Amino acid sequence: MAKLHTCFVTITTAILFLVDVSQQGLEFQIVPFENGKCQFNGDKVDVGQSVKDTKRCISWSCVSHNSTHASMIASSCPRLVFAPPPCKYVPGRPGVYPDCCAKAECPKKR
């Protein structure tokens, strides 16, 4: 019974830790908003559309605030990838978000 309790506490702690870590840091930039578009790094981005940053493995989305200002909000990879056996950790690789993110690859269930 003690082993079961220890196992339960360990799993619960790991789950709570992973939930906390999986909350990615919110990254955003306030940008000018002109003619219905976010002005971002020389690009004009429609509201709700995104721009991919392949160097950083991020997708930036345009969200308007008012007639003059908007935000570009980043979607990025999780900081921690949990790959319990029989899953395997697959490191991130160059490419477009989210395909460039590290991930757990698990065998398909039969």
N, C-alpha and C. Protein backbone atom coordinates (compact mmCIF):
# COMPACT_ATOMS: atom_id res chain seq x y z
N MET A 1 0.82 -1.19 0.00
CA MET A 1 0.00 0.00 0.00
C MET A 1 0.87 1.26 0.00
N ALA A 2 1.99 1.21 0.71
CA ALA A 2 2.88 2.36 0.76
C ALA A 2 3.46 2.66 -0.62
N LYS A 3 3.78 1.59 -1.37
CA LYS A 3 4.32 1.78 -2.72
C LYS A 3 3.28 2.44 -3.62
N LEU A 4 2.02 2.04 -3.47
CA LEU A 4 0.94 2.61 -4.27
C LEU A 4 0.79 4.10 -3.95
N HIS A 5 0.84 4.44 -2.66
CA HIS A 5 0.75 5.83 -2.24
C HIS A 5 1.91 6.65 -2.81
N THR A 6 3.12 6.12 -2.73
CA THR A 6 4.30 6.81 -3.27
C THR A 6 4.16 7.01 -4.77
N CYS A 7 3.70 6.00 -5.46
CA CYS A 7 3.50 6.09 -6.91
C CYS A 7 2.46 7.16 -7.24
N PHE A 8 1.35 7.18 -6.50
CA PHE A 8 0.30 8.17 -6.72
C PHE A 8 0.82 9.59 -6.50
N VAL A 9 1.56 9.80 -5.42
CA VAL A 9 2.11 11.12 -5.12
C VAL A 9 3.09 11.54 -6.21
N THR A 10 3.94 10.63 -6.66
CA THR A 10 4.91 10.94 -7.71
C THR A 10 4.21 11.32 -9.01
N ILE A 11 3.23 10.54 -9.41
CA ILE A 11 2.51 10.82 -10.66
C ILE A 11 1.75 12.14 -10.56
N THR A 12 1.07 12.37 -9.43
CA THR A 12 0.33 13.61 -9.25
C THR A 12 1.26 14.81 -9.30
N THR A 13 2.40 14.72 -8.64
CA THR A 13 3.38 15.81 -8.67
C THR A 13 3.88 16.06 -10.08
N ALA A 14 4.18 15.00 -10.81
CA ALA A 14 4.65 15.15 -12.19
C ALA A 14 3.60 15.81 -13.07
N ILE A 15 2.35 15.41 -12.92
CA ILE A 15 1.27 16.00 -13.72
C ILE A 15 1.12 17.48 -13.40
N LEU A 16 1.11 17.83 -12.13
CA LEU A 16 0.99 19.24 -11.76
C LEU A 16 2.18 20.04 -12.28
N PHE A 17 3.38 19.48 -12.22
CA PHE A 17 4.56 20.16 -12.74
C PHE A 17 4.42 20.36 -14.24
N LEU A 18 4.00 19.34 -14.96
CA LEU A 18 3.87 19.44 -16.42
C LEU A 18 2.80 20.44 -16.81
N VAL A 19 1.70 20.50 -16.09
CA VAL A 19 0.66 21.49 -16.38
C VAL A 19 1.23 22.88 -16.21
N ASP A 20 2.00 23.09 -15.14
CA ASP A 20 2.60 24.39 -14.89
C ASP A 20 3.60 24.75 -15.97
N VAL A 21 4.47 23.82 -16.34
CA VAL A 21 5.51 24.09 -17.32
C VAL A 21 4.92 24.26 -18.72
N SER A 22 3.83 23.56 -19.01
CA SER A 22 3.27 23.62 -20.36
C SER A 22 2.64 24.97 -20.66
N GLN A 23 2.38 25.76 -19.64
CA GLN A 23 1.86 27.10 -19.88
C GLN A 23 3.01 27.94 -20.43
N GLN A 24 3.02 28.07 -21.72
CA GLN A 24 4.12 28.74 -22.39
C GLN A 24 4.12 30.22 -22.02
N GLY A 25 5.30 30.80 -22.01
CA GLY A 25 5.40 32.22 -21.76
C GLY A 25 4.72 32.97 -22.90
N LEU A 26 3.89 33.94 -22.55
CA LEU A 26 3.20 34.71 -23.57
C LEU A 26 4.15 35.76 -24.12
N GLU A 27 4.40 35.68 -25.39
CA GLU A 27 5.25 36.66 -26.05
C GLU A 27 4.39 37.43 -27.04
N PHE A 28 4.48 38.75 -26.97
CA PHE A 28 3.72 39.57 -27.91
C PHE A 28 4.45 40.89 -28.15
N GLN A 29 4.08 41.54 -29.22
CA GLN A 29 4.63 42.85 -29.54
C GLN A 29 3.49 43.77 -29.93
N ILE A 30 3.46 44.98 -29.36
CA ILE A 30 2.50 45.99 -29.77
C ILE A 30 3.03 46.57 -31.08
N VAL A 31 2.17 46.64 -32.09
CA VAL A 31 2.58 47.10 -33.41
C VAL A 31 1.58 48.12 -33.95
N PRO A 32 2.00 48.95 -34.91
CA PRO A 32 1.05 49.86 -35.56
C PRO A 32 -0.01 49.06 -36.33
N PHE A 33 -1.20 49.64 -36.39
CA PHE A 33 -2.32 49.01 -37.12
C PHE A 33 -2.82 50.02 -38.14
N GLU A 34 -2.60 49.74 -39.40
CA GLU A 34 -2.96 50.67 -40.48
C GLU A 34 -3.75 49.93 -41.56
N ASN A 35 -4.84 50.55 -42.00
CA ASN A 35 -5.66 49.98 -43.08
C ASN A 35 -6.07 48.53 -42.81
N GLY A 36 -6.39 48.25 -41.54
CA GLY A 36 -6.86 46.91 -41.18
C GLY A 36 -5.79 45.84 -41.12
N LYS A 37 -4.52 46.26 -41.04
CA LYS A 37 -3.42 45.28 -41.02
C LYS A 37 -2.38 45.64 -39.95
N CYS A 38 -1.82 44.59 -39.35
CA CYS A 38 -0.70 44.77 -38.42
C CYS A 38 0.55 45.04 -39.23
N GLN A 39 1.32 46.04 -38.82
CA GLN A 39 2.60 46.36 -39.46
C GLN A 39 3.68 45.67 -38.62
N PHE A 40 4.25 44.61 -39.16
CA PHE A 40 5.15 43.76 -38.37
C PHE A 40 6.38 43.37 -39.17
N ASN A 41 7.54 43.86 -38.74
CA ASN A 41 8.82 43.53 -39.39
C ASN A 41 8.77 43.71 -40.91
N GLY A 42 8.15 44.78 -41.34
CA GLY A 42 8.09 45.07 -42.77
C GLY A 42 6.95 44.38 -43.50
N ASP A 43 6.22 43.51 -42.81
CA ASP A 43 5.07 42.82 -43.42
C ASP A 43 3.77 43.49 -42.99
N LYS A 44 2.75 43.35 -43.82
CA LYS A 44 1.40 43.80 -43.50
C LYS A 44 0.55 42.55 -43.33
N VAL A 45 0.10 42.33 -42.09
CA VAL A 45 -0.57 41.07 -41.74
C VAL A 45 -2.04 41.34 -41.41
N ASP A 46 -2.94 40.62 -42.08
CA ASP A 46 -4.38 40.74 -41.80
C ASP A 46 -4.70 40.24 -40.40
N VAL A 47 -5.75 40.82 -39.79
CA VAL A 47 -6.22 40.37 -38.49
C VAL A 47 -6.58 38.88 -38.58
N GLY A 48 -6.10 38.11 -37.61
CA GLY A 48 -6.36 36.67 -37.58
C GLY A 48 -5.39 35.85 -38.41
N GLN A 49 -4.59 36.49 -39.22
CA GLN A 49 -3.60 35.77 -40.03
C GLN A 49 -2.29 35.66 -39.25
N SER A 50 -1.41 34.80 -39.72
CA SER A 50 -0.14 34.61 -39.02
C SER A 50 1.05 34.68 -39.96
N VAL A 51 2.20 34.94 -39.34
CA VAL A 51 3.49 34.99 -40.03
C VAL A 51 4.38 33.99 -39.32
N LYS A 52 5.06 33.15 -40.08
CA LYS A 52 5.94 32.13 -39.50
C LYS A 52 7.36 32.65 -39.39
N ASP A 53 7.97 32.45 -38.23
CA ASP A 53 9.37 32.78 -37.98
C ASP A 53 10.12 31.45 -37.89
N THR A 54 10.72 31.03 -39.01
CA THR A 54 11.37 29.71 -39.04
C THR A 54 12.68 29.69 -38.26
N LYS A 55 13.30 30.83 -38.05
CA LYS A 55 14.55 30.85 -37.28
C LYS A 55 14.29 30.54 -35.81
N ARG A 56 13.14 30.98 -35.29
CA ARG A 56 12.82 30.78 -33.87
C ARG A 56 11.72 29.75 -33.64
N CYS A 57 11.17 29.18 -34.70
CA CYS A 57 10.09 28.19 -34.58
C CYS A 57 8.89 28.80 -33.85
N ILE A 58 8.42 29.94 -34.38
CA ILE A 58 7.30 30.68 -33.79
C ILE A 58 6.33 31.07 -34.90
N SER A 59 5.06 31.13 -34.55
CA SER A 59 4.03 31.67 -35.44
C SER A 59 3.46 32.92 -34.77
N TRP A 60 3.48 34.06 -35.46
CA TRP A 60 2.97 35.32 -34.94
C TRP A 60 1.60 35.60 -35.54
N SER A 61 0.59 35.91 -34.71
CA SER A 61 -0.76 36.20 -35.19
C SER A 61 -1.14 37.64 -34.87
N CYS A 62 -1.85 38.27 -35.81
CA CYS A 62 -2.27 39.66 -35.68
C CYS A 62 -3.61 39.76 -34.94
N VAL A 63 -3.64 40.60 -33.90
CA VAL A 63 -4.86 40.87 -33.13
C VAL A 63 -4.98 42.38 -32.99
N SER A 64 -6.09 42.96 -33.47
CA SER A 64 -6.24 44.42 -33.39
C SER A 64 -6.77 44.85 -32.02
N HIS A 65 -6.35 46.07 -31.60
CA HIS A 65 -6.84 46.67 -30.36
C HIS A 65 -7.80 47.80 -30.67
N ASN A 66 -7.38 48.66 -31.58
CA ASN A 66 -8.19 49.80 -31.99
C ASN A 66 -7.78 50.19 -33.40
N SER A 67 -8.12 51.38 -33.84
CA SER A 67 -7.83 51.77 -35.22
C SER A 67 -6.36 52.09 -35.48
N THR A 68 -5.55 52.18 -34.42
CA THR A 68 -4.14 52.54 -34.62
C THR A 68 -3.13 51.53 -34.07
N HIS A 69 -3.56 50.66 -33.17
CA HIS A 69 -2.62 49.73 -32.55
C HIS A 69 -3.15 48.30 -32.54
N ALA A 70 -2.21 47.37 -32.56
CA ALA A 70 -2.53 45.94 -32.55
C ALA A 70 -1.40 45.21 -31.84
N SER A 71 -1.59 43.91 -31.68
CA SER A 71 -0.54 43.06 -31.12
C SER A 71 -0.26 41.92 -32.08
N MET A 72 0.99 41.53 -32.12
CA MET A 72 1.39 40.29 -32.77
C MET A 72 1.67 39.33 -31.62
N ILE A 73 0.90 38.26 -31.55
CA ILE A 73 1.00 37.30 -30.44
C ILE A 73 1.67 36.03 -30.95
N ALA A 74 2.68 35.58 -30.20
CA ALA A 74 3.48 34.43 -30.62
C ALA A 74 2.90 33.12 -30.09
N SER A 75 2.92 32.12 -30.95
CA SER A 75 2.67 30.73 -30.55
C SER A 75 4.00 30.02 -30.70
N SER A 76 4.44 29.35 -29.63
CA SER A 76 5.75 28.71 -29.68
C SER A 76 5.67 27.29 -29.12
N CYS A 77 6.75 26.58 -29.23
CA CYS A 77 6.82 25.18 -28.79
C CYS A 77 6.78 25.09 -27.27
N PRO A 78 6.27 23.97 -26.74
CA PRO A 78 6.34 23.75 -25.29
C PRO A 78 7.80 23.72 -24.85
N ARG A 79 8.04 24.18 -23.64
CA ARG A 79 9.41 24.19 -23.12
C ARG A 79 9.86 22.81 -22.64
N LEU A 80 8.90 21.94 -22.38
CA LEU A 80 9.21 20.61 -21.88
C LEU A 80 8.35 19.60 -22.63
N VAL A 81 8.96 18.52 -23.05
CA VAL A 81 8.24 17.44 -23.71
C VAL A 81 8.41 16.18 -22.87
N PHE A 82 7.30 15.61 -22.44
CA PHE A 82 7.31 14.41 -21.61
C PHE A 82 7.10 13.21 -22.52
N ALA A 83 8.03 12.28 -22.51
CA ALA A 83 7.95 11.09 -23.37
C ALA A 83 8.14 9.83 -22.53
N PRO A 84 7.08 9.40 -21.82
CA PRO A 84 7.22 8.20 -21.00
C PRO A 84 7.32 6.96 -21.89
N PRO A 85 8.04 5.93 -21.43
CA PRO A 85 8.14 4.70 -22.22
C PRO A 85 6.74 4.16 -22.52
N PRO A 86 6.50 3.64 -23.67
CA PRO A 86 7.42 3.30 -24.74
C PRO A 86 7.64 4.44 -25.74
N CYS A 87 7.20 5.65 -25.39
CA CYS A 87 7.37 6.79 -26.30
C CYS A 87 8.84 7.19 -26.37
N LYS A 88 9.19 7.88 -27.44
CA LYS A 88 10.56 8.37 -27.61
C LYS A 88 10.52 9.87 -27.82
N TYR A 89 11.52 10.53 -27.26
CA TYR A 89 11.68 11.98 -27.45
C TYR A 89 12.26 12.23 -28.84
N VAL A 90 11.62 13.12 -29.59
CA VAL A 90 12.10 13.50 -30.92
C VAL A 90 12.45 14.99 -30.86
N PRO A 91 13.74 15.34 -31.00
CA PRO A 91 14.12 16.75 -30.90
C PRO A 91 13.52 17.59 -32.02
N GLY A 92 13.39 18.89 -31.74
CA GLY A 92 12.91 19.81 -32.76
C GLY A 92 13.92 19.90 -33.89
N ARG A 93 13.43 20.32 -35.04
CA ARG A 93 14.31 20.45 -36.20
C ARG A 93 13.90 21.69 -36.97
N PRO A 94 14.78 22.19 -37.83
CA PRO A 94 14.43 23.39 -38.59
C PRO A 94 13.15 23.17 -39.39
N GLY A 95 12.35 24.20 -39.47
CA GLY A 95 11.11 24.11 -40.23
C GLY A 95 10.11 25.15 -39.77
N VAL A 96 8.85 24.91 -40.08
CA VAL A 96 7.77 25.84 -39.79
C VAL A 96 6.99 25.35 -38.56
N TYR A 97 6.65 26.29 -37.67
CA TYR A 97 5.86 25.98 -36.48
C TYR A 97 4.53 25.36 -36.90
N PRO A 98 4.04 24.32 -36.28
CA PRO A 98 4.56 23.59 -35.12
C PRO A 98 5.41 22.38 -35.49
N ASP A 99 5.63 22.15 -36.79
CA ASP A 99 6.40 20.98 -37.21
C ASP A 99 7.84 21.00 -36.71
N CYS A 100 8.35 22.18 -36.37
CA CYS A 100 9.74 22.31 -35.91
C CYS A 100 9.89 22.02 -34.42
N CYS A 101 8.81 21.81 -33.71
CA CYS A 101 8.86 21.59 -32.26
C CYS A 101 9.31 20.17 -31.91
N ALA A 102 9.97 20.05 -30.75
CA ALA A 102 10.28 18.73 -30.21
C ALA A 102 8.96 18.06 -29.84
N LYS A 103 8.94 16.73 -29.84
CA LYS A 103 7.69 16.03 -29.52
C LYS A 103 7.98 14.63 -29.00
N ALA A 104 6.95 14.03 -28.44
CA ALA A 104 7.01 12.63 -28.03
C ALA A 104 6.38 11.82 -29.15
N GLU A 105 7.08 10.79 -29.57
CA GLU A 105 6.57 9.90 -30.61
C GLU A 105 6.27 8.55 -29.96
N CYS A 106 5.00 8.17 -29.99
CA CYS A 106 4.58 6.94 -29.32
C CYS A 106 4.11 5.91 -30.34
N PRO A 107 4.34 4.62 -30.04
CA PRO A 107 3.86 3.59 -30.96
C PRO A 107 2.33 3.62 -31.01
N LYS A 108 1.81 3.31 -32.18
CA LYS A 108 0.35 3.29 -32.35
C LYS A 108 -0.21 2.08 -31.62
N LYS A 109 -1.36 2.30 -30.97
CA LYS A 109 -2.03 1.21 -30.26
C LYS A 109 -2.71 0.32 -31.27
N ARG A 110 -2.69 -0.97 -31.00
CA ARG A 110 -3.32 -1.93 -31.92
C ARG A 110 -4.75 -2.15 -31.58
